[in-house]
Amino acid sequence: MTRMSLPPSSAAVSALAPPPRWAVRAAHLTTLVVLPSGLWRIAMVFGYPSGHTDAGFESFETLGAKMWMLALSVLSELVAFLTIGLVRPWGEVVPRWIPLIGGRRVRPMAAVVPAAIGSVVLTLLWANVPWWWTYPNEDMTSTGHLVVGILYQPLILWGPLTAAVTVSYYRRHRAARRRGQAV
């Protein structure tokens, strides 16, 4: 006989302490730190050179380049949005509309491990951002180069913000598990 997964009881979900206010703010901030660079890429998709010289912008005018920039912008924002799940109910119980797993509790480590790995990767990826716009780039104007550097600057916060929210999520679940074992 197969074991059916029952929806979690409201008592099991409510055993978690609410996320701290700072964690909620940090989770929402992750979507905002990704936004400037995404908007810059989307401007190029719509034909605005975004600080590139005429010769430098030509390589971004192909359909493949436009699809890549649009996909990267949307994917980055969606990944940043997943951080909000660490402070919202849909990060505790999979929404019912999702096929096959909807209504099931999210195992804490199924959220913590990918979020922790992601935060490390993002931190390492963007660690050199403060200096990258100082490298010469003949495809951009000097003003465009500075503006792009400023627009990418917030990405430095993406990894650390995700790490902080992940630690908060883990601690809330660990505390709830300890309370459950003591009862």
N, C-alpha and C. Protein backbone atom coordinates (compact mmCIF):
# COMPACT_ATOMS: atom_id res chain seq x y z
N MET A 1 0.84 -1.17 0.00
CA MET A 1 0.00 0.00 0.00
C MET A 1 0.90 1.24 0.00
N THR A 2 0.59 2.17 -0.87
CA THR A 2 1.40 3.38 -0.93
C THR A 2 0.94 4.38 0.11
N ARG A 3 1.87 5.11 0.59
CA ARG A 3 1.58 6.11 1.61
C ARG A 3 1.25 7.44 0.93
N MET A 4 0.09 7.97 1.24
CA MET A 4 -0.33 9.23 0.63
C MET A 4 0.16 10.38 1.50
N SER A 5 0.54 11.44 0.84
CA SER A 5 0.97 12.62 1.57
C SER A 5 -0.24 13.49 1.88
N LEU A 6 -0.50 13.66 3.13
CA LEU A 6 -1.62 14.50 3.54
C LEU A 6 -1.17 15.94 3.66
N PRO A 7 -2.10 16.87 3.43
CA PRO A 7 -1.72 18.27 3.61
C PRO A 7 -1.29 18.50 5.06
N PRO A 8 -0.37 19.41 5.26
CA PRO A 8 0.10 19.66 6.61
C PRO A 8 -1.02 20.27 7.45
N SER A 9 -1.02 19.91 8.71
CA SER A 9 -2.02 20.51 9.59
C SER A 9 -1.65 21.95 9.86
N SER A 10 -2.64 22.75 10.15
CA SER A 10 -2.36 24.15 10.42
C SER A 10 -1.51 24.29 11.68
N ALA A 11 -1.64 23.34 12.60
CA ALA A 11 -0.82 23.40 13.82
C ALA A 11 0.66 23.19 13.49
N ALA A 12 0.94 22.30 12.54
CA ALA A 12 2.34 22.05 12.17
C ALA A 12 2.96 23.28 11.52
N VAL A 13 2.21 23.93 10.66
CA VAL A 13 2.74 25.11 9.99
C VAL A 13 2.83 26.28 10.96
N SER A 14 1.85 26.41 11.84
CA SER A 14 1.86 27.55 12.77
C SER A 14 2.86 27.36 13.90
N ALA A 15 3.49 26.19 14.01
CA ALA A 15 4.50 25.97 15.04
C ALA A 15 5.75 26.81 14.78
N LEU A 16 5.88 27.28 13.57
CA LEU A 16 7.03 28.12 13.24
C LEU A 16 6.81 29.53 13.76
N ALA A 17 7.87 30.08 14.28
CA ALA A 17 7.82 31.49 14.66
C ALA A 17 7.78 32.32 13.39
N PRO A 18 7.13 33.46 13.43
CA PRO A 18 7.14 34.30 12.22
C PRO A 18 8.57 34.77 11.94
N PRO A 19 8.86 35.02 10.68
CA PRO A 19 10.22 35.48 10.37
C PRO A 19 10.46 36.87 10.97
N PRO A 20 11.68 37.14 11.38
CA PRO A 20 11.98 38.48 11.89
C PRO A 20 11.76 39.53 10.80
N ARG A 21 11.43 40.71 11.23
CA ARG A 21 11.16 41.80 10.29
C ARG A 21 12.35 42.08 9.39
N TRP A 22 13.57 42.00 9.95
CA TRP A 22 14.75 42.26 9.14
C TRP A 22 14.88 41.23 8.02
N ALA A 23 14.50 39.98 8.29
CA ALA A 23 14.61 38.92 7.28
C ALA A 23 13.59 39.15 6.17
N VAL A 24 12.40 39.59 6.53
CA VAL A 24 11.38 39.90 5.52
C VAL A 24 11.87 41.03 4.63
N ARG A 25 12.41 42.06 5.23
CA ARG A 25 12.93 43.19 4.45
C ARG A 25 14.10 42.76 3.56
N ALA A 26 14.99 41.96 4.12
CA ALA A 26 16.15 41.50 3.34
C ALA A 26 15.69 40.63 2.16
N ALA A 27 14.69 39.79 2.38
CA ALA A 27 14.19 38.94 1.30
C ALA A 27 13.60 39.78 0.17
N HIS A 28 12.84 40.79 0.53
CA HIS A 28 12.26 41.67 -0.49
C HIS A 28 13.35 42.52 -1.17
N LEU A 29 14.36 42.87 -0.43
CA LEU A 29 15.45 43.67 -0.99
C LEU A 29 16.21 42.92 -2.08
N THR A 30 16.25 41.59 -1.98
CA THR A 30 16.96 40.82 -3.01
C THR A 30 16.38 41.07 -4.39
N THR A 31 15.06 41.21 -4.48
CA THR A 31 14.47 41.46 -5.80
C THR A 31 14.83 42.85 -6.31
N LEU A 32 15.03 43.78 -5.39
CA LEU A 32 15.37 45.14 -5.79
C LEU A 32 16.82 45.30 -6.20
N VAL A 33 17.74 44.53 -5.60
CA VAL A 33 19.15 44.68 -5.96
C VAL A 33 19.44 44.10 -7.35
N VAL A 34 18.59 43.19 -7.81
CA VAL A 34 18.76 42.60 -9.13
C VAL A 34 18.13 43.48 -10.22
N LEU A 35 17.20 44.29 -9.85
CA LEU A 35 16.42 45.07 -10.81
C LEU A 35 17.21 46.05 -11.69
N PRO A 36 18.14 46.86 -11.15
CA PRO A 36 18.83 47.83 -12.02
C PRO A 36 19.57 47.20 -13.20
N SER A 37 20.30 46.14 -12.95
CA SER A 37 21.05 45.50 -14.05
C SER A 37 20.09 44.86 -15.05
N GLY A 38 19.00 44.31 -14.56
CA GLY A 38 18.00 43.72 -15.46
C GLY A 38 17.34 44.76 -16.33
N LEU A 39 17.02 45.90 -15.76
CA LEU A 39 16.41 46.98 -16.55
C LEU A 39 17.39 47.51 -17.59
N TRP A 40 18.66 47.56 -17.24
CA TRP A 40 19.68 48.00 -18.20
C TRP A 40 19.72 47.05 -19.40
N ARG A 41 19.70 45.74 -19.14
CA ARG A 41 19.72 44.77 -20.23
C ARG A 41 18.44 44.85 -21.06
N ILE A 42 17.30 45.03 -20.41
CA ILE A 42 16.04 45.13 -21.13
C ILE A 42 16.01 46.38 -22.01
N ALA A 43 16.62 47.45 -21.55
CA ALA A 43 16.72 48.66 -22.39
C ALA A 43 17.47 48.34 -23.69
N MET A 44 18.51 47.51 -23.59
CA MET A 44 19.24 47.13 -24.80
C MET A 44 18.38 46.24 -25.71
N VAL A 45 17.56 45.39 -25.11
CA VAL A 45 16.66 44.55 -25.91
C VAL A 45 15.74 45.42 -26.75
N PHE A 46 15.30 46.55 -26.19
CA PHE A 46 14.40 47.45 -26.91
C PHE A 46 15.14 48.47 -27.78
N GLY A 47 16.45 48.28 -27.95
CA GLY A 47 17.18 49.09 -28.91
C GLY A 47 17.91 50.30 -28.37
N TYR A 48 17.90 50.52 -27.07
CA TYR A 48 18.64 51.64 -26.50
C TYR A 48 20.07 51.18 -26.26
N PRO A 49 21.08 51.92 -26.76
CA PRO A 49 22.46 51.44 -26.66
C PRO A 49 23.02 51.33 -25.25
N SER A 50 22.40 51.95 -24.28
CA SER A 50 22.77 51.79 -22.87
C SER A 50 24.25 52.00 -22.58
N GLY A 51 24.83 53.03 -23.19
CA GLY A 51 26.22 53.36 -22.92
C GLY A 51 27.22 52.74 -23.86
N HIS A 52 26.78 51.94 -24.81
CA HIS A 52 27.68 51.33 -25.78
C HIS A 52 27.93 52.30 -26.94
N THR A 53 29.08 52.15 -27.53
CA THR A 53 29.34 52.88 -28.77
C THR A 53 28.51 52.23 -29.87
N ASP A 54 28.41 52.87 -31.02
CA ASP A 54 27.65 52.29 -32.13
C ASP A 54 28.23 50.93 -32.53
N ALA A 55 29.54 50.85 -32.61
CA ALA A 55 30.19 49.59 -32.98
C ALA A 55 29.99 48.53 -31.89
N GLY A 56 30.06 48.93 -30.65
CA GLY A 56 29.90 47.99 -29.55
C GLY A 56 28.48 47.48 -29.41
N PHE A 57 27.50 48.32 -29.78
CA PHE A 57 26.09 47.92 -29.64
C PHE A 57 25.65 46.97 -30.73
N GLU A 58 26.36 46.95 -31.86
CA GLU A 58 25.97 46.07 -32.97
C GLU A 58 25.88 44.61 -32.56
N SER A 59 26.75 44.17 -31.68
CA SER A 59 26.74 42.76 -31.28
C SER A 59 25.52 42.41 -30.43
N PHE A 60 24.84 43.41 -29.89
CA PHE A 60 23.65 43.17 -29.07
C PHE A 60 22.36 43.28 -29.87
N GLU A 61 22.47 43.55 -31.16
CA GLU A 61 21.28 43.75 -31.97
C GLU A 61 20.77 42.47 -32.62
N THR A 62 21.44 41.34 -32.42
CA THR A 62 20.96 40.09 -32.99
C THR A 62 19.83 39.53 -32.14
N LEU A 63 18.99 38.71 -32.74
CA LEU A 63 17.87 38.12 -32.02
C LEU A 63 18.38 37.24 -30.87
N GLY A 64 19.44 36.49 -31.11
CA GLY A 64 20.01 35.63 -30.07
C GLY A 64 20.48 36.42 -28.86
N ALA A 65 21.15 37.53 -29.10
CA ALA A 65 21.64 38.37 -28.00
C ALA A 65 20.47 38.97 -27.24
N LYS A 66 19.45 39.40 -27.96
CA LYS A 66 18.28 39.98 -27.29
C LYS A 66 17.55 38.94 -26.45
N MET A 67 17.42 37.73 -26.99
CA MET A 67 16.75 36.66 -26.22
C MET A 67 17.56 36.32 -24.97
N TRP A 68 18.89 36.27 -25.11
CA TRP A 68 19.76 35.97 -23.98
C TRP A 68 19.62 37.04 -22.89
N MET A 69 19.66 38.32 -23.29
CA MET A 69 19.57 39.40 -22.29
C MET A 69 18.21 39.41 -21.60
N LEU A 70 17.16 39.16 -22.36
CA LEU A 70 15.82 39.12 -21.77
C LEU A 70 15.69 37.92 -20.83
N ALA A 71 16.15 36.75 -21.27
CA ALA A 71 16.08 35.55 -20.44
C ALA A 71 16.91 35.71 -19.16
N LEU A 72 18.10 36.28 -19.29
CA LEU A 72 18.95 36.48 -18.12
C LEU A 72 18.30 37.43 -17.12
N SER A 73 17.68 38.49 -17.63
CA SER A 73 17.02 39.46 -16.75
C SER A 73 15.85 38.83 -16.01
N VAL A 74 15.01 38.11 -16.74
CA VAL A 74 13.83 37.49 -16.13
C VAL A 74 14.25 36.38 -15.17
N LEU A 75 15.18 35.54 -15.58
CA LEU A 75 15.65 34.45 -14.72
C LEU A 75 16.29 34.98 -13.43
N SER A 76 17.09 36.02 -13.55
CA SER A 76 17.72 36.61 -12.36
C SER A 76 16.67 37.11 -11.38
N GLU A 77 15.67 37.77 -11.91
CA GLU A 77 14.62 38.31 -11.04
C GLU A 77 13.80 37.18 -10.40
N LEU A 78 13.53 36.12 -11.15
CA LEU A 78 12.79 34.98 -10.59
C LEU A 78 13.59 34.28 -9.49
N VAL A 79 14.88 34.12 -9.71
CA VAL A 79 15.73 33.49 -8.68
C VAL A 79 15.77 34.38 -7.43
N ALA A 80 15.88 35.68 -7.63
CA ALA A 80 15.86 36.59 -6.47
C ALA A 80 14.51 36.51 -5.76
N PHE A 81 13.43 36.36 -6.52
CA PHE A 81 12.09 36.26 -5.94
C PHE A 81 11.94 35.02 -5.07
N LEU A 82 12.65 33.96 -5.39
CA LEU A 82 12.58 32.73 -4.58
C LEU A 82 13.01 32.97 -3.13
N THR A 83 13.85 33.96 -2.91
CA THR A 83 14.28 34.29 -1.55
C THR A 83 13.09 34.69 -0.69
N ILE A 84 12.09 35.30 -1.30
CA ILE A 84 10.90 35.70 -0.55
C ILE A 84 10.19 34.47 0.02
N GLY A 85 10.31 33.34 -0.66
CA GLY A 85 9.71 32.10 -0.16
C GLY A 85 10.26 31.68 1.19
N LEU A 86 11.44 32.15 1.54
CA LEU A 86 12.03 31.80 2.83
C LEU A 86 11.37 32.55 3.99
N VAL A 87 10.54 33.54 3.67
CA VAL A 87 9.85 34.30 4.72
C VAL A 87 8.33 34.31 4.53
N ARG A 88 7.83 33.58 3.55
CA ARG A 88 6.40 33.56 3.25
C ARG A 88 5.85 32.15 3.42
N PRO A 89 4.54 32.02 3.58
CA PRO A 89 3.94 30.69 3.75
C PRO A 89 4.22 29.73 2.60
N TRP A 90 4.35 30.22 1.37
CA TRP A 90 4.61 29.30 0.27
C TRP A 90 6.02 28.73 0.32
N GLY A 91 6.84 29.20 1.24
CA GLY A 91 8.13 28.58 1.49
C GLY A 91 8.06 27.49 2.56
N GLU A 92 6.88 27.38 3.18
CA GLU A 92 6.66 26.34 4.19
C GLU A 92 5.83 25.19 3.62
N VAL A 93 4.85 25.55 2.80
CA VAL A 93 3.96 24.57 2.17
C VAL A 93 3.88 24.91 0.69
N VAL A 94 4.12 23.92 -0.16
CA VAL A 94 4.06 24.15 -1.61
C VAL A 94 2.64 24.55 -1.98
N PRO A 95 2.47 25.63 -2.74
CA PRO A 95 1.12 26.04 -3.15
C PRO A 95 0.37 24.90 -3.83
N ARG A 96 -0.93 24.79 -3.55
CA ARG A 96 -1.74 23.69 -4.06
C ARG A 96 -1.80 23.63 -5.58
N TRP A 97 -1.65 24.74 -6.26
CA TRP A 97 -1.77 24.75 -7.71
C TRP A 97 -0.58 24.11 -8.42
N ILE A 98 0.49 23.80 -7.69
CA ILE A 98 1.66 23.17 -8.32
C ILE A 98 1.38 21.67 -8.43
N PRO A 99 1.44 21.13 -9.65
CA PRO A 99 1.13 19.71 -9.86
C PRO A 99 2.04 18.78 -9.07
N LEU A 100 1.48 17.68 -8.64
CA LEU A 100 2.15 16.57 -7.96
C LEU A 100 2.59 16.87 -6.52
N ILE A 101 3.12 18.04 -6.25
CA ILE A 101 3.64 18.30 -4.90
C ILE A 101 2.86 19.38 -4.16
N GLY A 102 1.86 19.97 -4.80
CA GLY A 102 1.09 21.03 -4.18
C GLY A 102 0.45 20.59 -2.87
N GLY A 103 0.54 21.42 -1.85
CA GLY A 103 -0.04 21.13 -0.55
C GLY A 103 0.90 20.42 0.41
N ARG A 104 2.03 19.97 -0.05
CA ARG A 104 2.98 19.27 0.83
C ARG A 104 3.89 20.27 1.53
N ARG A 105 4.31 19.89 2.70
CA ARG A 105 5.29 20.72 3.44
C ARG A 105 6.62 20.71 2.72
N VAL A 106 7.28 21.83 2.78
CA VAL A 106 8.63 21.93 2.22
C VAL A 106 9.59 21.44 3.30
N ARG A 107 10.39 20.47 2.96
CA ARG A 107 11.41 20.04 3.92
C ARG A 107 12.42 21.16 4.05
N PRO A 108 12.72 21.56 5.28
CA PRO A 108 13.61 22.71 5.47
C PRO A 108 14.93 22.62 4.71
N MET A 109 15.55 21.46 4.73
CA MET A 109 16.85 21.35 4.06
C MET A 109 16.71 21.41 2.54
N ALA A 110 15.53 21.11 2.01
CA ALA A 110 15.30 21.23 0.57
C ALA A 110 15.29 22.70 0.14
N ALA A 111 15.05 23.58 1.08
CA ALA A 111 15.12 25.02 0.80
C ALA A 111 16.47 25.58 1.23
N VAL A 112 16.98 25.11 2.37
CA VAL A 112 18.22 25.67 2.92
C VAL A 112 19.44 25.35 2.06
N VAL A 113 19.58 24.13 1.63
CA VAL A 113 20.78 23.73 0.88
C VAL A 113 20.91 24.50 -0.44
N PRO A 114 19.87 24.53 -1.30
CA PRO A 114 20.03 25.31 -2.54
C PRO A 114 20.21 26.80 -2.28
N ALA A 115 19.52 27.33 -1.28
CA ALA A 115 19.66 28.77 -0.96
C ALA A 115 21.07 29.08 -0.46
N ALA A 116 21.62 28.20 0.36
CA ALA A 116 22.98 28.41 0.88
C ALA A 116 24.01 28.31 -0.25
N ILE A 117 23.87 27.31 -1.11
CA ILE A 117 24.79 27.17 -2.24
C ILE A 117 24.66 28.38 -3.15
N GLY A 118 23.43 28.79 -3.42
CA GLY A 118 23.20 29.96 -4.26
C GLY A 118 23.82 31.22 -3.68
N SER A 119 23.70 31.39 -2.37
CA SER A 119 24.25 32.60 -1.75
C SER A 119 25.78 32.62 -1.85
N VAL A 120 26.41 31.46 -1.70
CA VAL A 120 27.87 31.39 -1.83
C VAL A 120 28.29 31.69 -3.27
N VAL A 121 27.60 31.07 -4.24
CA VAL A 121 27.92 31.29 -5.64
C VAL A 121 27.73 32.77 -6.01
N LEU A 122 26.62 33.36 -5.59
CA LEU A 122 26.37 34.77 -5.90
C LEU A 122 27.40 35.69 -5.25
N THR A 123 27.78 35.37 -4.02
CA THR A 123 28.78 36.19 -3.35
C THR A 123 30.12 36.12 -4.08
N LEU A 124 30.52 34.92 -4.46
CA LEU A 124 31.78 34.77 -5.19
C LEU A 124 31.71 35.40 -6.58
N LEU A 125 30.56 35.26 -7.23
CA LEU A 125 30.39 35.81 -8.57
C LEU A 125 30.50 37.32 -8.60
N TRP A 126 29.86 37.98 -7.62
CA TRP A 126 29.80 39.44 -7.64
C TRP A 126 30.85 40.10 -6.74
N ALA A 127 31.75 39.31 -6.16
CA ALA A 127 32.75 39.87 -5.25
C ALA A 127 33.68 40.87 -5.93
N ASN A 128 33.90 40.74 -7.23
CA ASN A 128 34.82 41.65 -7.91
C ASN A 128 34.10 42.81 -8.59
N VAL A 129 32.81 42.97 -8.39
CA VAL A 129 32.05 44.03 -9.06
C VAL A 129 32.57 45.43 -8.78
N PRO A 130 33.04 45.77 -7.58
CA PRO A 130 33.47 47.15 -7.37
C PRO A 130 34.58 47.59 -8.31
N TRP A 131 35.30 46.67 -8.88
CA TRP A 131 36.44 47.04 -9.70
C TRP A 131 36.26 46.75 -11.18
N TRP A 132 35.28 45.98 -11.56
CA TRP A 132 35.23 45.54 -12.95
C TRP A 132 34.98 46.69 -13.92
N TRP A 133 34.30 47.73 -13.51
CA TRP A 133 34.04 48.81 -14.46
C TRP A 133 35.27 49.68 -14.69
N THR A 134 36.33 49.45 -13.92
CA THR A 134 37.56 50.21 -14.16
C THR A 134 38.39 49.59 -15.28
N TYR A 135 38.05 48.35 -15.69
CA TYR A 135 38.78 47.70 -16.77
C TYR A 135 38.42 48.39 -18.09
N PRO A 136 39.40 48.58 -18.96
CA PRO A 136 39.10 49.25 -20.24
C PRO A 136 38.13 48.43 -21.08
N ASN A 137 37.21 49.13 -21.73
CA ASN A 137 36.25 48.48 -22.62
C ASN A 137 35.98 49.43 -23.78
N GLU A 138 36.56 49.14 -24.92
CA GLU A 138 36.43 50.05 -26.06
C GLU A 138 35.04 50.04 -26.68
N ASP A 139 34.18 49.09 -26.29
CA ASP A 139 32.82 49.03 -26.83
C ASP A 139 31.85 49.95 -26.10
N MET A 140 32.32 50.61 -25.04
CA MET A 140 31.43 51.48 -24.27
C MET A 140 32.02 52.87 -24.17
N THR A 141 31.12 53.84 -24.02
CA THR A 141 31.58 55.19 -23.75
C THR A 141 32.04 55.25 -22.30
N SER A 142 32.82 56.24 -21.94
CA SER A 142 33.29 56.32 -20.55
C SER A 142 32.12 56.55 -19.60
N THR A 143 31.16 57.37 -20.00
CA THR A 143 29.98 57.59 -19.16
C THR A 143 29.15 56.32 -19.06
N GLY A 144 28.97 55.63 -20.19
CA GLY A 144 28.22 54.38 -20.18
C GLY A 144 28.87 53.34 -19.30
N HIS A 145 30.18 53.28 -19.34
CA HIS A 145 30.93 52.34 -18.51
C HIS A 145 30.69 52.62 -17.02
N LEU A 146 30.70 53.88 -16.65
CA LEU A 146 30.45 54.26 -15.26
C LEU A 146 29.01 53.93 -14.85
N VAL A 147 28.06 54.24 -15.71
CA VAL A 147 26.64 53.98 -15.40
C VAL A 147 26.40 52.48 -15.24
N VAL A 148 26.97 51.68 -16.12
CA VAL A 148 26.81 50.23 -16.02
C VAL A 148 27.42 49.73 -14.70
N GLY A 149 28.57 50.26 -14.35
CA GLY A 149 29.18 49.87 -13.07
C GLY A 149 28.29 50.20 -11.90
N ILE A 150 27.64 51.34 -11.93
CA ILE A 150 26.74 51.74 -10.85
C ILE A 150 25.50 50.85 -10.83
N LEU A 151 24.97 50.50 -12.01
CA LEU A 151 23.78 49.66 -12.08
C LEU A 151 24.04 48.23 -11.62
N TYR A 152 25.26 47.76 -11.81
CA TYR A 152 25.60 46.40 -11.36
C TYR A 152 26.05 46.36 -9.90
N GLN A 153 26.38 47.50 -9.34
CA GLN A 153 26.89 47.58 -7.98
C GLN A 153 25.97 46.92 -6.94
N PRO A 154 24.65 47.09 -7.00
CA PRO A 154 23.79 46.45 -5.99
C PRO A 154 23.88 44.93 -5.95
N LEU A 155 24.32 44.31 -7.03
CA LEU A 155 24.41 42.85 -7.06
C LEU A 155 25.38 42.30 -6.02
N ILE A 156 26.26 43.14 -5.51
CA ILE A 156 27.18 42.72 -4.45
C ILE A 156 26.39 42.23 -3.24
N LEU A 157 25.22 42.81 -3.02
CA LEU A 157 24.41 42.48 -1.84
C LEU A 157 23.57 41.21 -2.01
N TRP A 158 23.39 40.75 -3.23
CA TRP A 158 22.49 39.63 -3.48
C TRP A 158 22.88 38.38 -2.69
N GLY A 159 24.11 37.96 -2.76
CA GLY A 159 24.55 36.76 -2.04
C GLY A 159 24.45 36.89 -0.53
N PRO A 160 25.00 37.96 0.06
CA PRO A 160 24.90 38.12 1.51
C PRO A 160 23.45 38.25 2.02
N LEU A 161 22.60 38.93 1.28
CA LEU A 161 21.19 39.03 1.69
C LEU A 161 20.53 37.65 1.68
N THR A 162 20.79 36.90 0.62
CA THR A 162 20.23 35.55 0.53
C THR A 162 20.76 34.68 1.66
N ALA A 163 22.03 34.80 1.98
CA ALA A 163 22.61 34.02 3.08
C ALA A 163 21.95 34.37 4.41
N ALA A 164 21.74 35.64 4.67
CA ALA A 164 21.13 36.06 5.94
C ALA A 164 19.71 35.53 6.06
N VAL A 165 18.94 35.62 4.99
CA VAL A 165 17.56 35.13 5.03
C VAL A 165 17.54 33.60 5.17
N THR A 166 18.49 32.93 4.54
CA THR A 166 18.59 31.48 4.64
C THR A 166 18.89 31.05 6.08
N VAL A 167 19.81 31.74 6.72
CA VAL A 167 20.13 31.43 8.13
C VAL A 167 18.90 31.64 9.00
N SER A 168 18.16 32.71 8.77
CA SER A 168 16.94 32.97 9.53
C SER A 168 15.93 31.84 9.34
N TYR A 169 15.74 31.41 8.10
CA TYR A 169 14.81 30.31 7.79
C TYR A 169 15.23 29.04 8.52
N TYR A 170 16.52 28.73 8.44
CA TYR A 170 17.03 27.53 9.10
C TYR A 170 16.82 27.59 10.62
N ARG A 171 17.12 28.72 11.22
CA ARG A 171 16.96 28.86 12.67
C ARG A 171 15.50 28.72 13.10
N ARG A 172 14.58 29.29 12.33
CA ARG A 172 13.16 29.17 12.67
C ARG A 172 12.71 27.72 12.61
N HIS A 173 13.15 27.01 11.60
CA HIS A 173 12.77 25.60 11.46
C HIS A 173 13.43 24.73 12.52
N ARG A 174 14.67 25.03 12.84
CA ARG A 174 15.37 24.26 13.87
C ARG A 174 14.68 24.46 15.22
N ALA A 175 14.31 25.70 15.54
CA ALA A 175 13.63 26.00 16.81
C ALA A 175 12.28 25.30 16.86
N ALA A 176 11.54 25.28 15.76
CA ALA A 176 10.24 24.62 15.73
C ALA A 176 10.40 23.11 15.91
N ARG A 177 11.44 22.55 15.32
CA ARG A 177 11.68 21.10 15.44
C ARG A 177 12.02 20.76 16.89
N ARG A 178 12.80 21.60 17.55
CA ARG A 178 13.14 21.35 18.95
C ARG A 178 11.92 21.44 19.85
N ARG A 179 11.05 22.43 19.58
CA ARG A 179 9.81 22.54 20.36
C ARG A 179 8.94 21.33 20.14
N GLY A 180 8.89 20.83 18.93
CA GLY A 180 8.08 19.65 18.60
C GLY A 180 8.59 18.41 19.28
N GLN A 181 9.90 18.29 19.43
CA GLN A 181 10.48 17.12 20.08
C GLN A 181 10.30 17.18 21.59
N ALA A 182 10.22 18.39 22.13
CA ALA A 182 10.08 18.52 23.58
C ALA A 182 8.66 18.25 24.04
N VAL A 183 7.69 18.36 23.12
CA VAL A 183 6.28 18.17 23.52
C VAL A 183 5.94 16.73 23.65
